Amino acid sequence: MEELRELKEYILSLIDIKYTWWNEESGLEMFYVDKIPEISEIRRIGINCAGLINIIRQKTGLTVPEIREDSDCTVRGGTYHYYEYFEENKVLEEFDIEKEYPEYTLLLRRYRDVEDQGHLAMIINKGEIIHAYAEDELTGRVGITKLEDSHYYKESGYYEYIVRPENWLKQ
């Protein structure tokens, strides 16, 4: 229980770090797949939704899974990569807005293309998620939002899957 309290404190310390868009020319720094840098470095570079999840995963002592040799994925630790990884491990469950999920449950929208890169977020409190998100084309940040406000959920059915905490933070 102490470990989860410390994890949550660390996660909350990342609030307001700027969101950094990924594109094919931007590089991969904002994914943080091999180590957790100092918070000052994260603040300088910024973070994307997958980078936040990668840091959380590493903070629990796990690594960001490697890409399978036969995968079409080219970005380790991104939304496409996580979708493939969780699907292969048979831990994806369809998201249901009517269900209440435990704290630390991962929410996932799979990657489609550069315009719809999918999304990763984590339930932090009942009805609230923490995620790195764009507020518009120029700004964004790590923040806590209500689940129903995230990415206009009610209009688009944004999230597609969940991964329970024991299936992404302890494997």
C-alpha atoms as a PDB file:
ATOM      1  CA  MET A   1       0.000   0.000   0.000  1.00  0.00           C
ATOM      2  CA  GLU A   2       2.899   2.340   0.772  1.00  0.00           C
ATOM      3  CA  GLU A   3       4.258   1.691  -2.737  1.00  0.00           C
ATOM      4  CA  LEU A   4       0.955   2.811  -4.308  1.00  0.00           C
ATOM      5  CA  ARG A   5       0.872   5.963  -2.164  1.00  0.00           C
ATOM      6  CA  GLU A   6       4.416   6.837  -3.258  1.00  0.00           C
ATOM      7  CA  LEU A   7       3.549   6.051  -6.890  1.00  0.00           C
ATOM      8  CA  LYS A   8       0.537   8.344  -6.732  1.00  0.00           C
ATOM      9  CA  GLU A   9       2.587  11.154  -5.165  1.00  0.00           C
ATOM     10  CA  TYR A  10       5.122  10.854  -7.957  1.00  0.00           C
ATOM     11  CA  ILE A  11       2.430  10.816 -10.646  1.00  0.00           C
ATOM     12  CA  LEU A  12       0.831  13.931  -9.157  1.00  0.00           C
ATOM     13  CA  SER A  13       4.229  15.677  -9.216  1.00  0.00           C
ATOM     14  CA  LEU A  14       4.057  15.521 -13.026  1.00  0.00           C
ATOM     15  CA  ILE A  15       0.904  17.665 -13.246  1.00  0.00           C
ATOM     16  CA  ASP A  16       1.293  20.696 -15.516  1.00  0.00           C
ATOM     17  CA  ILE A  17       4.315  19.377 -17.384  1.00  0.00           C
ATOM     18  CA  LYS A  18       3.832  20.527 -20.969  1.00  0.00           C
ATOM     19  CA  TYR A  19       2.429  18.201 -23.599  1.00  0.00           C
ATOM     20  CA  THR A  20       4.724  17.510 -26.543  1.00  0.00           C
ATOM     21  CA  TRP A  21       3.221  16.332 -29.811  1.00  0.00           C
ATOM     22  CA  TRP A  22       4.853  13.401 -31.553  1.00  0.00           C
ATOM     23  CA  ASN A  23       5.210  13.292 -35.312  1.00  0.00           C
ATOM     24  CA  GLU A  24       7.552  11.459 -37.629  1.00  0.00           C
ATOM     25  CA  GLU A  25      10.098  14.323 -37.534  1.00  0.00           C
ATOM     26  CA  SER A  26       9.992  15.145 -33.824  1.00  0.00           C
ATOM     27  CA  GLY A  27      12.106  12.323 -32.457  1.00  0.00           C
ATOM     28  CA  LEU A  28      11.174  10.031 -29.609  1.00  0.00           C
ATOM     29  CA  GLU A  29      12.473  11.813 -26.496  1.00  0.00           C
ATOM     30  CA  MET A  30       8.982  12.426 -25.088  1.00  0.00           C
ATOM     31  CA  PHE A  31       8.303   8.667 -24.838  1.00  0.00           C
ATOM     32  CA  TYR A  32      10.823   7.974 -22.020  1.00  0.00           C
ATOM     33  CA  VAL A  33      11.155   4.269 -22.809  1.00  0.00           C
ATOM     34  CA  ASP A  34      14.482   3.352 -21.200  1.00  0.00           C
ATOM     35  CA  LYS A  35      14.802   5.445 -18.053  1.00  0.00           C
ATOM     36  CA  ILE A  36      13.073   8.063 -16.013  1.00  0.00           C
ATOM     37  CA  PRO A  37      14.972  11.345 -16.215  1.00  0.00           C
ATOM     38  CA  GLU A  38      14.907  14.031 -13.554  1.00  0.00           C
ATOM     39  CA  ILE A  39      11.653  15.982 -13.473  1.00  0.00           C
ATOM     40  CA  SER A  40      13.540  19.084 -14.634  1.00  0.00           C
ATOM     41  CA  GLU A  41      14.482  17.200 -17.827  1.00  0.00           C
ATOM     42  CA  ILE A  42      10.881  16.040 -18.351  1.00  0.00           C
ATOM     43  CA  ARG A  43       9.735  19.653 -17.928  1.00  0.00           C
ATOM     44  CA  ARG A  44      12.281  20.806 -20.537  1.00  0.00           C
ATOM     45  CA  ILE A  45      11.354  18.160 -23.141  1.00  0.00           C
ATOM     46  CA  GLY A  46       7.672  17.755 -22.344  1.00  0.00           C
ATOM     47  CA  ILE A  47       5.710  14.536 -22.453  1.00  0.00           C
ATOM     48  CA  ASN A  48       3.026  12.793 -24.468  1.00  0.00           C
ATOM     49  CA  CYS A  49       0.317  10.418 -23.251  1.00  0.00           C
ATOM     50  CA  ALA A  50       2.434   7.321 -23.840  1.00  0.00           C
ATOM     51  CA  GLY A  51       5.464   8.910 -22.194  1.00  0.00           C
ATOM     52  CA  LEU A  52       3.450   9.427 -19.015  1.00  0.00           C
ATOM     53  CA  ILE A  53       2.372   5.780 -19.017  1.00  0.00           C
ATOM     54  CA  ASN A  54       5.929   4.632 -19.761  1.00  0.00           C
ATOM     55  CA  ILE A  55       7.219   6.604 -16.777  1.00  0.00           C
ATOM     56  CA  ILE A  56       4.498   5.196 -14.507  1.00  0.00           C
ATOM     57  CA  ARG A  57       5.315   1.670 -15.635  1.00  0.00           C
ATOM     58  CA  GLN A  58       9.044   2.169 -15.027  1.00  0.00           C
ATOM     59  CA  LYS A  59       8.354   3.751 -11.644  1.00  0.00           C
ATOM     60  CA  THR A  60       6.857   0.382 -10.580  1.00  0.00           C
ATOM     61  CA  GLY A  61      10.095  -1.362 -11.572  1.00  0.00           C
ATOM     62  CA  LEU A  62       8.887  -2.680 -14.935  1.00  0.00           C
ATOM     63  CA  THR A  63      10.316  -1.969 -18.352  1.00  0.00           C
ATOM     64  CA  VAL A  64       8.570  -0.703 -21.425  1.00  0.00           C
ATOM     65  CA  PRO A  65       8.024  -3.892 -23.440  1.00  0.00           C
ATOM     66  CA  GLU A  66      10.189  -4.487 -26.480  1.00  0.00           C
ATOM     67  CA  ILE A  67       8.708  -4.515 -29.997  1.00  0.00           C
ATOM     68  CA  ARG A  68       8.246  -7.993 -31.457  1.00  0.00           C
ATOM     69  CA  GLU A  69      10.354  -8.677 -34.528  1.00  0.00           C
ATOM     70  CA  ASP A  70       7.258  -9.450 -36.622  1.00  0.00           C
ATOM     71  CA  SER A  71       5.440  -6.269 -35.554  1.00  0.00           C
ATOM     72  CA  ASP A  72       4.466  -3.420 -37.853  1.00  0.00           C
ATOM     73  CA  CYS A  73       5.073  -1.049 -34.945  1.00  0.00           C
ATOM     74  CA  THR A  74       7.974   1.370 -35.277  1.00  0.00           C
ATOM     75  CA  VAL A  75       7.593   3.365 -32.034  1.00  0.00           C
ATOM     76  CA  ARG A  76       8.311   1.454 -28.853  1.00  0.00           C
ATOM     77  CA  GLY A  77       6.157   2.580 -25.946  1.00  0.00           C
ATOM     78  CA  GLY A  78       3.541   4.322 -28.104  1.00  0.00           C
ATOM     79  CA  THR A  79      -0.199   3.695 -28.297  1.00  0.00           C
ATOM     80  CA  TYR A  80       0.093   1.263 -31.230  1.00  0.00           C
ATOM     81  CA  HIS A  81       2.808  -0.633 -29.398  1.00  0.00           C
ATOM     82  CA  TYR A  82       0.781  -0.920 -26.190  1.00  0.00           C
ATOM     83  CA  TYR A  83      -2.310  -2.054 -28.070  1.00  0.00           C
ATOM     84  CA  GLU A  84      -0.294  -4.850 -29.724  1.00  0.00           C
ATOM     85  CA  TYR A  85       1.400  -5.797 -26.459  1.00  0.00           C
ATOM     86  CA  PHE A  86      -1.803  -5.979 -24.408  1.00  0.00           C
ATOM     87  CA  GLU A  87      -3.704  -7.746 -27.178  1.00  0.00           C
ATOM     88  CA  GLU A  88      -0.955 -10.355 -27.483  1.00  0.00           C
ATOM     89  CA  ASN A  89      -1.056 -10.880 -23.706  1.00  0.00           C
ATOM     90  CA  LYS A  90      -4.871 -11.123 -23.795  1.00  0.00           C
ATOM     91  CA  VAL A  91      -5.459  -8.477 -21.123  1.00  0.00           C
ATOM     92  CA  LEU A  92      -7.484  -5.940 -23.130  1.00  0.00           C
ATOM     93  CA  GLU A  93     -11.097  -5.574 -22.036  1.00  0.00           C
ATOM     94  CA  GLU A  94     -13.667  -3.511 -23.882  1.00  0.00           C
ATOM     95  CA  PHE A  95     -14.249  -0.176 -22.191  1.00  0.00           C
ATOM     96  CA  ASP A  96     -17.726   0.375 -20.760  1.00  0.00           C
ATOM     97  CA  ILE A  97     -18.575   3.874 -19.524  1.00  0.00           C
ATOM     98  CA  GLU A  98     -21.235   2.368 -17.257  1.00  0.00           C
ATOM     99  CA  LYS A  99     -18.691   0.317 -15.298  1.00  0.00           C
ATOM    100  CA  GLU A 100     -16.624   1.586 -12.408  1.00  0.00           C
ATOM    101  CA  TYR A 101     -12.973   0.590 -12.731  1.00  0.00           C
ATOM    102  CA  PRO A 102     -10.375   0.546  -9.957  1.00  0.00           C
ATOM    103  CA  GLU A 103      -7.763   3.232  -9.479  1.00  0.00           C
ATOM    104  CA  TYR A 104      -4.703   2.725 -11.733  1.00  0.00           C
ATOM    105  CA  THR A 105      -6.773   1.131 -14.523  1.00  0.00           C
ATOM    106  CA  LEU A 106      -5.288   2.025 -17.902  1.00  0.00           C
ATOM    107  CA  LEU A 107      -7.597   3.427 -20.600  1.00  0.00           C
ATOM    108  CA  LEU A 108      -6.592   2.940 -24.210  1.00  0.00           C
ATOM    109  CA  ARG A 109      -7.651   4.149 -27.604  1.00  0.00           C
ATOM    110  CA  ARG A 110      -5.596   2.394 -30.263  1.00  0.00           C
ATOM    111  CA  TYR A 111      -3.397   4.206 -32.778  1.00  0.00           C
ATOM    112  CA  ARG A 112      -4.953   4.647 -36.223  1.00  0.00           C
ATOM    113  CA  ASP A 113      -2.682   7.129 -37.991  1.00  0.00           C
ATOM    114  CA  VAL A 114      -0.733  10.350 -37.393  1.00  0.00           C
ATOM    115  CA  GLU A 115      -4.000  12.309 -37.243  1.00  0.00           C
ATOM    116  CA  ASP A 116      -5.603   9.899 -34.714  1.00  0.00           C
ATOM    117  CA  GLN A 117      -2.704   8.672 -32.623  1.00  0.00           C
ATOM    118  CA  GLY A 118      -4.944   7.042 -30.037  1.00  0.00           C
ATOM    119  CA  HIS A 119      -4.561   7.826 -26.364  1.00  0.00           C
ATOM    120  CA  LEU A 120      -3.500   6.413 -23.015  1.00  0.00           C
ATOM    121  CA  ALA A 121      -4.809   7.603 -19.660  1.00  0.00           C
ATOM    122  CA  MET A 122      -5.043   6.189 -16.160  1.00  0.00           C
ATOM    123  CA  ILE A 123      -7.852   6.300 -13.628  1.00  0.00           C
ATOM    124  CA  ILE A 124      -6.487   8.262 -10.678  1.00  0.00           C
ATOM    125  CA  ASN A 125      -9.657   8.773  -8.621  1.00  0.00           C
ATOM    126  CA  LYS A 126     -13.257   7.691  -9.001  1.00  0.00           C
ATOM    127  CA  GLY A 127     -14.458   9.226 -12.272  1.00  0.00           C
ATOM    128  CA  GLU A 128     -11.161  11.046 -12.896  1.00  0.00           C
ATOM    129  CA  ILE A 129      -8.176  10.275 -15.059  1.00  0.00           C
ATOM    130  CA  ILE A 130      -4.648  11.574 -15.283  1.00  0.00           C
ATOM    131  CA  HIS A 131      -3.148  11.923 -18.725  1.00  0.00           C
ATOM    132  CA  ALA A 132      -0.911  14.039 -20.912  1.00  0.00           C
ATOM    133  CA  TYR A 133      -3.199  15.713 -23.419  1.00  0.00           C
ATOM    134  CA  ALA A 134      -3.304  18.469 -25.973  1.00  0.00           C
ATOM    135  CA  GLU A 135      -5.602  21.361 -25.142  1.00  0.00           C
ATOM    136  CA  ASP A 136      -5.329  22.666 -28.701  1.00  0.00           C
ATOM    137  CA  GLU A 137      -2.772  22.449 -31.510  1.00  0.00           C
ATOM    138  CA  LEU A 138      -0.175  24.466 -29.586  1.00  0.00           C
ATOM    139  CA  THR A 139      -0.667  23.707 -25.903  1.00  0.00           C
ATOM    140  CA  GLY A 140      -1.325  20.834 -23.571  1.00  0.00           C
ATOM    141  CA  ARG A 141      -0.214  19.396 -20.284  1.00  0.00           C
ATOM    142  CA  VAL A 142      -0.351  16.576 -17.790  1.00  0.00           C
ATOM    143  CA  GLY A 143      -3.556  16.975 -15.849  1.00  0.00           C
ATOM    144  CA  ILE A 144      -6.499  15.375 -14.140  1.00  0.00           C
ATOM    145  CA  THR A 145      -9.827  15.547 -15.923  1.00  0.00           C
ATOM    146  CA  LYS A 146     -13.189  13.957 -15.484  1.00  0.00           C
ATOM    147  CA  LEU A 147     -13.469  10.828 -17.575  1.00  0.00           C
ATOM    148  CA  GLU A 148     -16.595  12.028 -19.328  1.00  0.00           C
ATOM    149  CA  ASP A 149     -14.828  15.247 -20.352  1.00  0.00           C
ATOM    150  CA  SER A 150     -11.804  13.489 -21.794  1.00  0.00           C
ATOM    151  CA  HIS A 151     -11.634  13.843 -25.558  1.00  0.00           C
ATOM    152  CA  TYR A 152     -15.350  14.517 -25.814  1.00  0.00           C
ATOM    153  CA  TYR A 153     -16.046  10.939 -24.730  1.00  0.00           C
ATOM    154  CA  LYS A 154     -19.839  11.110 -24.954  1.00  0.00           C
ATOM    155  CA  GLU A 155     -19.814  12.300 -28.559  1.00  0.00           C
ATOM    156  CA  SER A 156     -17.258   9.920 -29.976  1.00  0.00           C
ATOM    157  CA  GLY A 157     -17.000   6.915 -27.696  1.00  0.00           C
ATOM    158  CA  TYR A 158     -13.306   7.750 -27.468  1.00  0.00           C
ATOM    159  CA  TYR A 159     -11.814   5.052 -25.242  1.00  0.00           C
ATOM    160  CA  GLU A 160     -12.005   1.501 -26.539  1.00  0.00           C
ATOM    161  CA  TYR A 161     -10.219  -0.681 -23.988  1.00  0.00           C
ATOM    162  CA  ILE A 162      -9.097  -0.930 -20.404  1.00  0.00           C
ATOM    163  CA  VAL A 163      -6.236  -2.836 -18.868  1.00  0.00           C
ATOM    164  CA  ARG A 164      -6.589  -3.647 -15.192  1.00  0.00           C
ATOM    165  CA  PRO A 165      -3.774  -2.480 -12.872  1.00  0.00           C
ATOM    166  CA  GLU A 166      -2.528  -5.999 -12.196  1.00  0.00           C
ATOM    167  CA  ASN A 167      -2.115  -6.524 -15.947  1.00  0.00           C
ATOM    168  CA  TRP A 168       0.012  -3.482 -16.745  1.00  0.00           C
ATOM    169  CA  LEU A 169       1.683  -2.408 -13.506  1.00  0.00           C
ATOM    170  CA  LYS A 170       2.713  -5.861 -12.272  1.00  0.00           C
ATOM    171  CA  GLN A 171       3.802  -7.744 -15.390  1.00  0.00           C
END
